[in-house]
């Protein structure tokens, strides 16, 4: 696999995969700068939607609706050309907070892309999984990545967190956190994604924990994808943080309607 030729499924550039320090995150396409994570997200999205993975370049536009949570612009732009897709953000328009989405988003999308977001949402993380389920139409597809490890359970770094601030104090980054009971606590040695003082890691998922969270939210067909896809330059170097796909059951609406009709029927 190392040193293999591949075609980028995002931009169509023909390249050569060489060893890099961080296979998952480091740019490895000379055309668009995509990483293994980005290309794997697109591969499993297209395979899940189309039953095949033709790549984004040259894909004819479809009416399929989708939404991304702060997606990488390198694939957000071609996704918006291929589908009725919108990239959204927590802090700017078009805005979507996965912990509190507006009613206009519920049941609207055929697919949802979430790439390394859920480890940053305030606790409880279950809200993000529940709302991801709620955003999708029946049969809709979630394509998810989060860093995870082999720990038995997900590790919440700040389990009682209500609000927080990241502060640099005497050259050291610390987290000032207010708990649900109103008390304040100072936490040292925080973990950041993207460098010191940037996006704070609030939890380290376990592989089993992610699967359990998805199942508890109602998702089915949950699959952690660990295989290589050499033609698209997808070479998983390890089993942590692999892409995950899950579906909202196609019968979800029918089950909901059935419950409502049953409740309305006279005895």
C-alpha atoms as a PDB file:
ATOM      1  CA  UNK A   1       0.000   0.000   0.000  1.00  0.00           C
ATOM      2  CA  UNK A   2       2.849   2.345   0.789  1.00  0.00           C
ATOM      3  CA  UNK A   3       4.035   4.084  -2.329  1.00  0.00           C
ATOM      4  CA  UNK A   4       0.872   3.114  -4.235  1.00  0.00           C
ATOM      5  CA  UNK A   5      -0.617   5.086  -7.095  1.00  0.00           C
ATOM      6  CA  UNK A   6      -4.165   6.351  -6.549  1.00  0.00           C
ATOM      7  CA  UNK A   7      -6.754   8.760  -7.899  1.00  0.00           C
ATOM      8  CA  UNK A   8      -8.239  11.265  -5.490  1.00  0.00           C
ATOM      9  CA  UNK A   9     -11.985  10.685  -5.234  1.00  0.00           C
ATOM     10  CA  UNK A  10     -12.499  14.353  -4.360  1.00  0.00           C
ATOM     11  CA  UNK A  11     -10.633  16.252  -7.073  1.00  0.00           C
ATOM     12  CA  UNK A  12      -9.743  13.493  -9.560  1.00  0.00           C
ATOM     13  CA  UNK A  13      -5.993  14.141  -9.304  1.00  0.00           C
ATOM     14  CA  UNK A  14      -3.771  11.141 -10.059  1.00  0.00           C
ATOM     15  CA  UNK A  15      -1.203  10.872  -7.311  1.00  0.00           C
ATOM     16  CA  UNK A  16       1.171   8.641  -5.420  1.00  0.00           C
ATOM     17  CA  UNK A  17       0.673   7.733  -1.771  1.00  0.00           C
ATOM     18  CA  UNK A  18       3.902   7.962   0.192  1.00  0.00           C
ATOM     19  CA  UNK A  19       4.518   7.426   3.911  1.00  0.00           C
ATOM     20  CA  UNK A  20       3.570  10.476   5.977  1.00  0.00           C
ATOM     21  CA  UNK A  21       3.863  11.155   9.687  1.00  0.00           C
ATOM     22  CA  UNK A  22       0.101  11.132  10.275  1.00  0.00           C
ATOM     23  CA  UNK A  23      -1.620   8.995   7.675  1.00  0.00           C
ATOM     24  CA  UNK A  24      -5.111   9.923   8.869  1.00  0.00           C
ATOM     25  CA  UNK A  25      -4.702  13.696   8.890  1.00  0.00           C
ATOM     26  CA  UNK A  26      -1.704  14.734   6.791  1.00  0.00           C
ATOM     27  CA  UNK A  27      -2.450  16.021   3.260  1.00  0.00           C
ATOM     28  CA  UNK A  28      -1.599  13.269   0.786  1.00  0.00           C
ATOM     29  CA  UNK A  29      -3.202  14.459  -2.455  1.00  0.00           C
ATOM     30  CA  UNK A  30      -1.077  16.894  -4.437  1.00  0.00           C
ATOM     31  CA  UNK A  31      -4.210  18.213  -6.139  1.00  0.00           C
ATOM     32  CA  UNK A  32      -6.600  19.289  -3.374  1.00  0.00           C
ATOM     33  CA  UNK A  33      -4.592  18.484  -0.270  1.00  0.00           C
ATOM     34  CA  UNK A  34      -7.044  15.869   0.984  1.00  0.00           C
ATOM     35  CA  UNK A  35      -6.083  13.424   3.712  1.00  0.00           C
ATOM     36  CA  UNK A  36      -6.949   9.763   4.113  1.00  0.00           C
ATOM     37  CA  UNK A  37      -9.778  10.786   6.471  1.00  0.00           C
ATOM     38  CA  UNK A  38     -11.306  13.132   3.907  1.00  0.00           C
ATOM     39  CA  UNK A  39     -11.143  10.615   1.067  1.00  0.00           C
ATOM     40  CA  UNK A  40     -12.542   7.828   3.234  1.00  0.00           C
ATOM     41  CA  UNK A  41     -15.494  10.027   4.236  1.00  0.00           C
ATOM     42  CA  UNK A  42     -16.347  10.636   0.590  1.00  0.00           C
ATOM     43  CA  UNK A  43     -15.890   6.983  -0.367  1.00  0.00           C
ATOM     44  CA  UNK A  44     -18.310   5.707   2.275  1.00  0.00           C
ATOM     45  CA  UNK A  45     -20.770   8.511   1.621  1.00  0.00           C
ATOM     46  CA  UNK A  46     -21.008   7.762  -2.099  1.00  0.00           C
ATOM     47  CA  UNK A  47     -21.063   4.022  -1.565  1.00  0.00           C
ATOM     48  CA  UNK A  48     -23.854   4.414   0.983  1.00  0.00           C
ATOM     49  CA  UNK A  49     -25.919   6.739  -1.217  1.00  0.00           C
ATOM     50  CA  UNK A  50     -25.312   5.230  -4.647  1.00  0.00           C
ATOM     51  CA  UNK A  51     -24.298   1.653  -3.944  1.00  0.00           C
ATOM     52  CA  UNK A  52     -21.010   2.410  -5.686  1.00  0.00           C
ATOM     53  CA  UNK A  53     -18.158   4.868  -5.261  1.00  0.00           C
ATOM     54  CA  UNK A  54     -17.450   6.752  -8.493  1.00  0.00           C
ATOM     55  CA  UNK A  55     -15.688   9.736  -6.912  1.00  0.00           C
ATOM     56  CA  UNK A  56     -16.980  13.307  -6.820  1.00  0.00           C
ATOM     57  CA  UNK A  57     -15.233  14.602  -9.926  1.00  0.00           C
ATOM     58  CA  UNK A  58     -17.730  14.654 -12.795  1.00  0.00           C
ATOM     59  CA  UNK A  59     -20.626  13.324 -10.717  1.00  0.00           C
ATOM     60  CA  UNK A  60     -23.928  14.570 -12.134  1.00  0.00           C
ATOM     61  CA  UNK A  61     -26.005  16.674  -9.769  1.00  0.00           C
ATOM     62  CA  UNK A  62     -28.709  14.883  -7.797  1.00  0.00           C
ATOM     63  CA  UNK A  63     -31.600  16.149  -5.706  1.00  0.00           C
ATOM     64  CA  UNK A  64     -30.347  14.200  -2.703  1.00  0.00           C
ATOM     65  CA  UNK A  65     -30.261  16.524   0.299  1.00  0.00           C
ATOM     66  CA  UNK A  66     -27.317  16.664   2.681  1.00  0.00           C
ATOM     67  CA  UNK A  67     -25.773  18.738   5.416  1.00  0.00           C
ATOM     68  CA  UNK A  68     -22.269  19.001   6.822  1.00  0.00           C
ATOM     69  CA  UNK A  69     -21.064  20.098  10.251  1.00  0.00           C
ATOM     70  CA  UNK A  70     -18.098  22.425   9.651  1.00  0.00           C
ATOM     71  CA  UNK A  71     -16.929  20.226   6.798  1.00  0.00           C
ATOM     72  CA  UNK A  72     -13.579  20.710   5.104  1.00  0.00           C
ATOM     73  CA  UNK A  73     -14.093  23.135   2.229  1.00  0.00           C
ATOM     74  CA  UNK A  74     -12.048  20.897  -0.050  1.00  0.00           C
ATOM     75  CA  UNK A  75     -14.920  18.433  -0.269  1.00  0.00           C
ATOM     76  CA  UNK A  76     -17.762  20.742   0.795  1.00  0.00           C
ATOM     77  CA  UNK A  77     -17.572  22.657  -2.496  1.00  0.00           C
ATOM     78  CA  UNK A  78     -17.774  19.598  -4.792  1.00  0.00           C
ATOM     79  CA  UNK A  79     -20.480  18.079  -2.586  1.00  0.00           C
ATOM     80  CA  UNK A  80     -22.589  21.206  -3.065  1.00  0.00           C
ATOM     81  CA  UNK A  81     -22.227  20.814  -6.825  1.00  0.00           C
ATOM     82  CA  UNK A  82     -23.151  17.114  -6.795  1.00  0.00           C
ATOM     83  CA  UNK A  83     -26.018  17.221  -4.262  1.00  0.00           C
ATOM     84  CA  UNK A  84     -28.455  19.599  -2.600  1.00  0.00           C
ATOM     85  CA  UNK A  85     -25.903  19.902   0.191  1.00  0.00           C
ATOM     86  CA  UNK A  86     -25.148  22.726   2.616  1.00  0.00           C
ATOM     87  CA  UNK A  87     -22.110  23.047   4.831  1.00  0.00           C
ATOM     88  CA  UNK A  88     -23.057  24.545   8.209  1.00  0.00           C
ATOM     89  CA  UNK A  89     -21.178  25.994  11.159  1.00  0.00           C
ATOM     90  CA  UNK A  90     -21.632  26.442  14.884  1.00  0.00           C
ATOM     91  CA  UNK A  91     -20.370  30.038  14.977  1.00  0.00           C
ATOM     92  CA  UNK A  92     -21.385  31.571  11.629  1.00  0.00           C
ATOM     93  CA  UNK A  93     -23.983  31.336   8.889  1.00  0.00           C
ATOM     94  CA  UNK A  94     -25.285  29.024   7.660  1.00  0.00           C
ATOM     95  CA  UNK A  95     -25.547  28.004  11.302  1.00  0.00           C
ATOM     96  CA  UNK A  96     -26.489  24.656  12.779  1.00  0.00           C
ATOM     97  CA  UNK A  97     -25.823  23.649  16.378  1.00  0.00           C
ATOM     98  CA  UNK A  98     -25.981  19.846  16.531  1.00  0.00           C
ATOM     99  CA  UNK A  99     -26.862  20.111  20.221  1.00  0.00           C
ATOM    100  CA  UNK A 100     -29.846  22.375  19.506  1.00  0.00           C
ATOM    101  CA  UNK A 101     -30.846  22.343  15.819  1.00  0.00           C
ATOM    102  CA  UNK A 102     -33.768  24.446  14.701  1.00  0.00           C
ATOM    103  CA  UNK A 103     -37.025  22.744  13.779  1.00  0.00           C
ATOM    104  CA  UNK A 104     -36.442  23.665  10.149  1.00  0.00           C
ATOM    105  CA  UNK A 105     -33.663  21.067  10.017  1.00  0.00           C
ATOM    106  CA  UNK A 106     -35.554  18.116  11.472  1.00  0.00           C
ATOM    107  CA  UNK A 107     -36.235  15.223   9.108  1.00  0.00           C
ATOM    108  CA  UNK A 108     -34.870  17.213   6.167  1.00  0.00           C
ATOM    109  CA  UNK A 109     -31.688  15.456   5.025  1.00  0.00           C
ATOM    110  CA  UNK A 110     -30.802  12.290   3.163  1.00  0.00           C
ATOM    111  CA  UNK A 111     -27.274  12.379   4.564  1.00  0.00           C
ATOM    112  CA  UNK A 112     -25.280  14.032   7.314  1.00  0.00           C
ATOM    113  CA  UNK A 113     -21.493  14.445   7.344  1.00  0.00           C
ATOM    114  CA  UNK A 114     -19.781  14.875  10.703  1.00  0.00           C
ATOM    115  CA  UNK A 115     -16.003  14.750  10.639  1.00  0.00           C
ATOM    116  CA  UNK A 116     -14.316  14.943  14.062  1.00  0.00           C
ATOM    117  CA  UNK A 117     -17.005  17.126  15.673  1.00  0.00           C
ATOM    118  CA  UNK A 118     -18.723  15.057  18.371  1.00  0.00           C
ATOM    119  CA  UNK A 119     -15.649  14.927  20.616  1.00  0.00           C
ATOM    120  CA  UNK A 120     -15.988  18.704  21.007  1.00  0.00           C
ATOM    121  CA  UNK A 121     -19.688  19.109  21.840  1.00  0.00           C
ATOM    122  CA  UNK A 122     -20.662  19.918  25.449  1.00  0.00           C
ATOM    123  CA  UNK A 123     -21.876  16.999  27.562  1.00  0.00           C
ATOM    124  CA  UNK A 124     -23.939  14.988  27.339  1.00  0.00           C
ATOM    125  CA  UNK A 125     -22.710  13.799  23.936  1.00  0.00           C
ATOM    126  CA  UNK A 126     -25.927  11.820  23.554  1.00  0.00           C
ATOM    127  CA  UNK A 127     -27.648  15.052  22.450  1.00  0.00           C
ATOM    128  CA  UNK A 128     -25.470  15.173  19.339  1.00  0.00           C
ATOM    129  CA  UNK A 129     -26.272  11.576  18.413  1.00  0.00           C
ATOM    130  CA  UNK A 130     -29.992  12.049  19.078  1.00  0.00           C
ATOM    131  CA  UNK A 131     -30.121  15.209  16.980  1.00  0.00           C
ATOM    132  CA  UNK A 132     -28.124  13.635  14.140  1.00  0.00           C
ATOM    133  CA  UNK A 133     -30.856  10.997  14.043  1.00  0.00           C
ATOM    134  CA  UNK A 134     -33.555  13.684  14.107  1.00  0.00           C
ATOM    135  CA  UNK A 135     -32.020  15.639  11.210  1.00  0.00           C
ATOM    136  CA  UNK A 136     -32.218  12.685   8.851  1.00  0.00           C
ATOM    137  CA  UNK A 137     -35.128  11.467   6.827  1.00  0.00           C
ATOM    138  CA  UNK A 138     -36.158   7.830   7.176  1.00  0.00           C
ATOM    139  CA  UNK A 139     -33.420   5.774   5.537  1.00  0.00           C
ATOM    140  CA  UNK A 140     -30.952   8.674   5.816  1.00  0.00           C
ATOM    141  CA  UNK A 141     -27.214   8.064   6.114  1.00  0.00           C
ATOM    142  CA  UNK A 142     -24.805   9.381   8.743  1.00  0.00           C
ATOM    143  CA  UNK A 143     -21.096   9.410   7.860  1.00  0.00           C
ATOM    144  CA  UNK A 144     -19.143  10.025  11.046  1.00  0.00           C
ATOM    145  CA  UNK A 145     -15.587  10.189  12.270  1.00  0.00           C
ATOM    146  CA  UNK A 146     -14.421  10.743  15.828  1.00  0.00           C
ATOM    147  CA  UNK A 147     -11.063   9.847  17.328  1.00  0.00           C
ATOM    148  CA  UNK A 148     -11.590   6.747  19.458  1.00  0.00           C
ATOM    149  CA  UNK A 149      -9.482   4.266  21.381  1.00  0.00           C
ATOM    150  CA  UNK A 150      -9.766   0.784  22.873  1.00  0.00           C
ATOM    151  CA  UNK A 151     -10.705   2.048  26.340  1.00  0.00           C
ATOM    152  CA  UNK A 152     -13.780   0.166  27.617  1.00  0.00           C
ATOM    153  CA  UNK A 153     -15.875   3.321  27.940  1.00  0.00           C
ATOM    154  CA  UNK A 154     -15.833   6.835  26.587  1.00  0.00           C
ATOM    155  CA  UNK A 155     -13.762   9.104  28.851  1.00  0.00           C
ATOM    156  CA  UNK A 156     -15.422  12.428  29.635  1.00  0.00           C
ATOM    157  CA  UNK A 157     -12.706  14.941  30.520  1.00  0.00           C
ATOM    158  CA  UNK A 158     -15.218  17.378  32.064  1.00  0.00           C
ATOM    159  CA  UNK A 159     -18.320  15.297  32.878  1.00  0.00           C
ATOM    160  CA  UNK A 160     -20.228  17.998  34.790  1.00  0.00           C
ATOM    161  CA  UNK A 161     -19.357  20.821  32.412  1.00  0.00           C
ATOM    162  CA  UNK A 162     -21.917  23.579  31.880  1.00  0.00           C
ATOM    163  CA  UNK A 163     -19.629  26.265  30.427  1.00  0.00           C
ATOM    164  CA  UNK A 164     -15.900  26.834  30.135  1.00  0.00           C
ATOM    165  CA  UNK A 165     -13.133  29.184  29.053  1.00  0.00           C
ATOM    166  CA  UNK A 166      -9.669  28.326  27.752  1.00  0.00           C
ATOM    167  CA  UNK A 167      -7.051  30.604  29.294  1.00  0.00           C
ATOM    168  CA  UNK A 168      -3.311  30.974  28.854  1.00  0.00           C
ATOM    169  CA  UNK A 169      -1.832  31.483  32.303  1.00  0.00           C
ATOM    170  CA  UNK A 170       1.908  32.090  32.696  1.00  0.00           C
ATOM    171  CA  UNK A 171       2.568  30.353  29.412  1.00  0.00           C
ATOM    172  CA  UNK A 172       0.369  27.368  30.258  1.00  0.00           C
ATOM    173  CA  UNK A 173      -3.046  26.602  28.794  1.00  0.00           C
ATOM    174  CA  UNK A 174      -5.737  25.764  31.341  1.00  0.00           C
ATOM    175  CA  UNK A 175      -9.495  25.253  31.286  1.00  0.00           C
ATOM    176  CA  UNK A 176     -11.738  27.144  33.695  1.00  0.00           C
ATOM    177  CA  UNK A 177     -14.943  25.146  33.912  1.00  0.00           C
ATOM    178  CA  UNK A 178     -18.251  25.836  35.599  1.00  0.00           C
ATOM    179  CA  UNK A 179     -20.139  22.723  36.658  1.00  0.00           C
ATOM    180  CA  UNK A 180     -23.871  22.174  36.667  1.00  0.00           C
ATOM    181  CA  UNK A 181     -23.987  23.034  40.369  1.00  0.00           C
ATOM    182  CA  UNK A 182     -22.383  26.432  39.660  1.00  0.00           C
ATOM    183  CA  UNK A 183     -18.957  25.629  41.096  1.00  0.00           C
ATOM    184  CA  UNK A 184     -15.739  26.549  39.286  1.00  0.00           C
ATOM    185  CA  UNK A 185     -12.775  24.268  38.698  1.00  0.00           C
ATOM    186  CA  UNK A 186      -9.358  24.727  37.088  1.00  0.00           C
ATOM    187  CA  UNK A 187      -8.179  21.913  34.794  1.00  0.00           C
ATOM    188  CA  UNK A 188      -4.582  21.603  33.633  1.00  0.00           C
ATOM    189  CA  UNK A 189      -3.101  19.691  30.686  1.00  0.00           C
ATOM    190  CA  UNK A 190      -6.059  20.085  28.311  1.00  0.00           C
ATOM    191  CA  UNK A 191      -5.988  18.316  24.944  1.00  0.00           C
ATOM    192  CA  UNK A 192      -6.445  20.494  21.858  1.00  0.00           C
ATOM    193  CA  UNK A 193      -7.080  19.553  18.250  1.00  0.00           C
ATOM    194  CA  UNK A 194      -5.322  21.866  15.843  1.00  0.00           C
ATOM    195  CA  UNK A 195      -2.748  23.247  18.264  1.00  0.00           C
ATOM    196  CA  UNK A 196      -2.661  24.867  21.726  1.00  0.00           C
ATOM    197  CA  UNK A 197      -5.591  27.108  22.527  1.00  0.00           C
ATOM    198  CA  UNK A 198      -7.691  25.920  19.599  1.00  0.00           C
ATOM    199  CA  UNK A 199     -10.508  23.353  19.624  1.00  0.00           C
ATOM    200  CA  UNK A 200     -10.736  21.676  23.024  1.00  0.00           C
ATOM    201  CA  UNK A 201     -11.210  17.914  23.265  1.00  0.00           C
ATOM    202  CA  UNK A 202     -14.028  17.293  25.729  1.00  0.00           C
ATOM    203  CA  UNK A 203     -13.967  13.500  25.564  1.00  0.00           C
ATOM    204  CA  UNK A 204     -12.078  10.515  24.216  1.00  0.00           C
ATOM    205  CA  UNK A 205     -14.554   8.091  22.736  1.00  0.00           C
ATOM    206  CA  UNK A 206     -14.174   4.377  22.960  1.00  0.00           C
ATOM    207  CA  UNK A 207     -14.954   2.320  19.884  1.00  0.00           C
ATOM    208  CA  UNK A 208     -17.672   0.446  21.782  1.00  0.00           C
ATOM    209  CA  UNK A 209     -18.974   3.712  23.218  1.00  0.00           C
ATOM    210  CA  UNK A 210     -19.530   5.302  19.807  1.00  0.00           C
ATOM    211  CA  UNK A 211     -21.389   2.247  18.583  1.00  0.00           C
ATOM    212  CA  UNK A 212     -23.521   2.211  21.745  1.00  0.00           C
ATOM    213  CA  UNK A 213     -24.309   5.929  21.391  1.00  0.00           C
ATOM    214  CA  UNK A 214     -25.427   5.444  17.790  1.00  0.00           C
ATOM    215  CA  UNK A 215     -27.595   2.464  18.681  1.00  0.00           C
ATOM    216  CA  UNK A 216     -29.154   4.305  21.631  1.00  0.00           C
ATOM    217  CA  UNK A 217     -30.099   7.171  19.304  1.00  0.00           C
ATOM    218  CA  UNK A 218     -31.931   4.706  17.045  1.00  0.00           C
ATOM    219  CA  UNK A 219     -29.402   4.122  14.261  1.00  0.00           C
ATOM    220  CA  UNK A 220     -29.095   0.754  12.561  1.00  0.00           C
ATOM    221  CA  UNK A 221     -26.619  -0.799  10.104  1.00  0.00           C
ATOM    222  CA  UNK A 222     -23.764   0.677  12.154  1.00  0.00           C
ATOM    223  CA  UNK A 223     -20.421  -0.169  10.574  1.00  0.00           C
ATOM    224  CA  UNK A 224     -16.848   0.826  11.414  1.00  0.00           C
ATOM    225  CA  UNK A 225     -14.872   0.760   8.164  1.00  0.00           C
ATOM    226  CA  UNK A 226     -11.328  -0.516   8.526  1.00  0.00           C
ATOM    227  CA  UNK A 227     -10.602  -1.742   5.024  1.00  0.00           C
ATOM    228  CA  UNK A 228      -8.227  -0.175   2.523  1.00  0.00           C
ATOM    229  CA  UNK A 229      -9.514   1.320  -0.735  1.00  0.00           C
ATOM    230  CA  UNK A 230      -6.227   1.648  -2.667  1.00  0.00           C
ATOM    231  CA  UNK A 231      -7.720   3.118  -5.849  1.00  0.00           C
ATOM    232  CA  UNK A 232      -8.913   6.154  -3.863  1.00  0.00           C
ATOM    233  CA  UNK A 233      -5.856   6.441  -1.661  1.00  0.00           C
ATOM    234  CA  UNK A 234      -7.547   5.164   1.496  1.00  0.00           C
ATOM    235  CA  UNK A 235      -4.997   3.287   3.588  1.00  0.00           C
ATOM    236  CA  UNK A 236      -6.033   3.040   7.242  1.00  0.00           C
ATOM    237  CA  UNK A 237      -2.803   2.760   9.254  1.00  0.00           C
ATOM    238  CA  UNK A 238      -4.554   1.835  12.495  1.00  0.00           C
ATOM    239  CA  UNK A 239      -7.999   1.089  13.871  1.00  0.00           C
ATOM    240  CA  UNK A 240      -8.554   4.317  15.833  1.00  0.00           C
ATOM    241  CA  UNK A 241     -10.839   6.993  14.456  1.00  0.00           C
ATOM    242  CA  UNK A 242     -11.965   5.042  11.408  1.00  0.00           C
ATOM    243  CA  UNK A 243     -15.023   6.237   9.462  1.00  0.00           C
ATOM    244  CA  UNK A 244     -18.375   4.993  10.688  1.00  0.00           C
ATOM    245  CA  UNK A 245     -21.641   4.807   8.767  1.00  0.00           C
ATOM    246  CA  UNK A 246     -25.086   4.369  10.263  1.00  0.00           C
ATOM    247  CA  UNK A 247     -28.650   4.689   9.026  1.00  0.00           C
ATOM    248  CA  UNK A 248     -31.922   5.963  10.304  1.00  0.00           C
ATOM    249  CA  UNK A 249     -34.316   3.039   9.790  1.00  0.00           C
ATOM    250  CA  UNK A 250     -36.402   3.309   6.647  1.00  0.00           C
ATOM    251  CA  UNK A 251     -39.415   2.379   8.743  1.00  0.00           C
ATOM    252  CA  UNK A 252     -38.864   5.161  11.286  1.00  0.00           C
ATOM    253  CA  UNK A 253     -41.698   7.339   9.968  1.00  0.00           C
ATOM    254  CA  UNK A 254     -44.066   4.393   9.629  1.00  0.00           C
ATOM    255  CA  UNK A 255     -43.354   3.328  13.219  1.00  0.00           C
ATOM    256  CA  UNK A 256     -43.946   6.867  14.469  1.00  0.00           C
ATOM    257  CA  UNK A 257     -47.201   7.186  12.526  1.00  0.00           C
ATOM    258  CA  UNK A 258     -48.271   3.792  13.803  1.00  0.00           C
ATOM    259  CA  UNK A 259     -47.768   4.880  17.407  1.00  0.00           C
ATOM    260  CA  UNK A 260     -49.747   8.080  16.816  1.00  0.00           C
ATOM    261  CA  UNK A 261     -52.581   6.262  15.047  1.00  0.00           C
ATOM    262  CA  UNK A 262     -52.646   3.619  17.766  1.00  0.00           C
ATOM    263  CA  UNK A 263     -52.906   6.297  20.424  1.00  0.00           C
ATOM    264  CA  UNK A 264     -55.779   7.928  18.539  1.00  0.00           C
ATOM    265  CA  UNK A 265     -57.837   4.753  18.051  1.00  0.00           C
ATOM    266  CA  UNK A 266     -60.710   4.252  20.476  1.00  0.00           C
ATOM    267  CA  UNK A 267     -60.638   1.123  22.645  1.00  0.00           C
END
